[in-house]
Protein backbone atom coordinates (compact mmCIF):
# COMPACT_ATOMS: atom_id res chain seq x y z
CA MET A 1 18.10 -21.70 13.19
CA SER A 2 14.38 -21.28 13.20
CA ALA A 3 12.41 -18.89 11.35
CA LYS A 4 11.09 -16.14 13.18
CA LEU A 5 7.79 -14.63 12.95
CA GLU A 6 6.91 -10.84 14.42
CA THR A 7 3.97 -8.83 13.10
CA ARG A 8 3.46 -4.78 13.68
CA THR A 9 1.11 -2.38 12.47
CA PHE A 10 1.81 1.82 11.96
CA VAL A 11 -1.20 4.48 11.49
CA PHE A 12 -1.03 7.40 9.03
CA SER A 13 -3.42 10.16 7.25
CA THR A 14 -4.52 10.18 4.25
CA GLU A 15 -6.13 13.36 2.37
CA ALA A 16 -8.67 11.69 0.61
CA GLU A 17 -9.27 10.23 -2.65
CA MET A 18 -5.42 8.71 -4.55
CA ASP A 19 -3.24 9.89 -2.53
CA ILE A 20 -0.77 8.02 -3.02
CA VAL A 21 2.27 7.74 0.00
CA ASP A 22 5.80 6.37 0.38
CA VAL A 23 6.01 4.17 3.01
CA THR A 24 9.35 2.84 2.60
CA LYS A 25 10.68 4.22 5.58
CA ASP A 26 7.90 3.01 8.10
CA VAL A 27 8.46 -0.55 7.21
CA ALA A 28 12.47 0.21 7.03
CA ASP A 29 12.03 1.22 10.25
CA ILE A 30 10.08 -1.77 11.60
CA LEU A 31 12.60 -3.80 10.08
CA SER A 32 14.82 -2.39 12.52
CA GLU A 33 13.54 -2.92 15.62
CA VAL A 34 13.11 -6.27 15.09
CA ASP A 35 15.51 -9.34 15.82
CA VAL A 36 15.42 -10.92 12.24
CA SER A 37 18.01 -10.18 9.79
CA ASP A 38 17.57 -11.75 6.94
CA GLY A 39 13.97 -12.99 5.10
CA SER A 40 10.89 -11.09 3.77
CA VAL A 41 8.46 -8.82 4.51
CA THR A 42 5.17 -8.48 3.56
CA VAL A 43 3.15 -4.88 4.13
CA PHE A 44 -1.10 -5.50 3.81
CA VAL A 45 -3.97 -3.38 3.92
CA PRO A 46 -6.72 -4.13 6.00
CA GLY A 47 -9.67 -3.09 3.78
CA SER A 48 -10.73 -3.06 -0.25
CA THR A 49 -10.70 0.63 -1.00
CA GLY A 50 -6.31 0.85 -0.14
CA ALA A 51 -3.56 -0.75 -2.12
CA LEU A 52 -0.47 -1.22 -1.87
CA THR A 53 2.70 -1.98 -4.49
CA THR A 54 6.57 -0.48 -5.27
CA MET A 55 6.98 2.25 -7.89
CA GLU A 56 9.55 5.18 -8.38
CA TYR A 57 7.99 7.76 -6.11
CA GLU A 58 8.56 10.69 -7.92
CA PRO A 59 6.12 13.73 -9.12
CA GLY A 60 5.34 13.18 -12.56
CA LEU A 61 4.77 9.29 -11.98
CA VAL A 62 2.31 9.93 -8.95
CA LYS A 63 0.42 12.80 -11.12
CA ASP A 64 1.18 9.96 -14.35
CA MET A 65 -0.86 7.06 -11.69
CA LYS A 66 -3.98 9.57 -10.96
CA GLU A 67 -4.57 9.96 -14.35
CA LEU A 68 -4.60 5.92 -15.10
CA PHE A 69 -6.71 5.34 -12.69
CA GLU A 70 -9.23 8.20 -13.92
CA LYS A 71 -9.22 6.27 -17.32
CA LEU A 72 -9.14 2.81 -15.81
CA ALA A 73 -12.01 3.67 -13.36
CA PRO A 74 -13.46 6.82 -14.03
CA ARG A 75 -15.30 8.39 -10.87
CA ASP A 76 -18.09 9.71 -13.03
CA HIS A 77 -18.72 5.85 -14.60
CA TYR A 78 -22.14 3.78 -12.98
CA TYR A 79 -20.88 1.35 -10.72
CA GLN A 80 -23.49 -1.74 -10.03
CA HIS A 81 -21.50 -1.49 -6.15
CA GLU A 82 -23.24 2.09 -5.89
CA GLU A 83 -26.42 0.27 -4.96
CA ARG A 84 -26.03 -1.55 -2.28
CA TRP A 85 -24.07 1.12 -0.13
CA HIS A 86 -25.11 4.72 -1.86
CA ASP A 87 -21.44 5.35 -1.19
CA LYS A 88 -20.00 7.04 -4.11
CA ASN A 89 -16.96 5.04 -4.23
CA GLY A 90 -17.11 1.95 -6.51
CA HIS A 91 -14.44 2.89 -8.77
CA SER A 92 -12.41 3.44 -5.35
CA HIS A 93 -13.17 -0.82 -5.13
CA VAL A 94 -12.35 -1.23 -8.59
CA ARG A 95 -9.20 0.98 -8.27
CA ALA A 96 -8.22 -0.83 -5.08
CA SER A 97 -8.74 -4.61 -6.61
CA LEU A 98 -6.24 -3.80 -10.05
CA ILE A 99 -3.39 -3.14 -7.61
CA GLY A 100 -3.95 -5.83 -4.52
CA PRO A 101 -3.67 -5.62 -0.96
CA SER A 102 -0.32 -6.21 -0.08
CA VAL A 103 2.93 -6.00 -1.32
CA VAL A 104 6.46 -9.23 0.01
CA ILE A 105 9.71 -7.39 -0.26
CA PRO A 106 12.75 -9.80 0.39
CA PHE A 107 16.30 -8.33 2.99
CA ARG A 108 18.97 -9.31 4.08
CA ASP A 109 20.91 -7.67 7.12
CA LYS A 110 17.84 -5.89 7.99
CA ARG A 111 18.15 -4.15 3.67
CA LEU A 112 14.87 -4.16 2.59
CA MET A 113 16.09 -5.34 -1.31
CA LEU A 114 14.38 -2.64 -3.36
CA GLY A 115 15.59 -1.19 -6.44
CA THR A 116 17.40 2.11 -6.31
CA TRP A 117 14.52 3.78 -7.49
CA GLN A 118 11.97 1.69 -6.14
CA GLN A 119 9.56 2.92 -2.68
CA ILE A 120 6.87 0.85 -1.25
CA VAL A 121 3.71 2.97 -1.79
CA PHE A 122 0.07 2.78 -0.51
CA PHE A 123 -2.48 3.56 -3.11
CA ASP A 124 -5.88 5.19 -1.25
CA PHE A 125 -8.18 5.12 -3.47
CA ASP A 126 -11.50 6.16 -1.20
CA VAL A 127 -13.41 9.67 -1.55
CA ARG A 128 -12.53 10.48 1.81
CA ALA A 129 -9.43 11.03 4.69
CA ARG A 130 -9.32 8.62 6.54
CA GLU A 131 -6.73 7.18 9.15
CA ARG A 132 -5.05 3.89 7.69
CA GLU A 133 -3.12 0.91 9.13
CA LEU A 134 -0.82 -1.12 7.46
CA ILE A 135 0.11 -4.33 9.08
CA VAL A 136 3.68 -5.14 8.21
CA GLN A 137 4.87 -9.43 9.17
CA ILE A 138 7.98 -9.63 9.20
CA ILE A 139 9.88 -13.58 8.59
CA GLY A 140 13.12 -14.91 8.38
CA GLU A 141 16.18 -15.17 10.63
């Protein structure tokens, strides 16, 4: 049997800086629609102020992550990026670069092989509310 490749997208709204969104169900819904039962799924954000990872999506850890990023790349720090665009989001780019733009998850029998307390999460580090698009690419048999 040869491998199949499916590419889909979905769009959602974010509220603004440090909005952390659980996108696990969106990815699982797309996976349920395709004619592939075993393989891997890549979720990718086009853009340089958003990021994807996995974590336990619960209020305490969401708050901890927001506090961590404020310490690692504080919003009130001077960033060279501001000299080019003057858009006051240098910290947004630094934060997104620390996590990265994609995550890959294996699946079997159309089920994501995530741990019990593990969800796929999107971090919006930009300074304004946005419409975000994620690309979901599925490869498998």
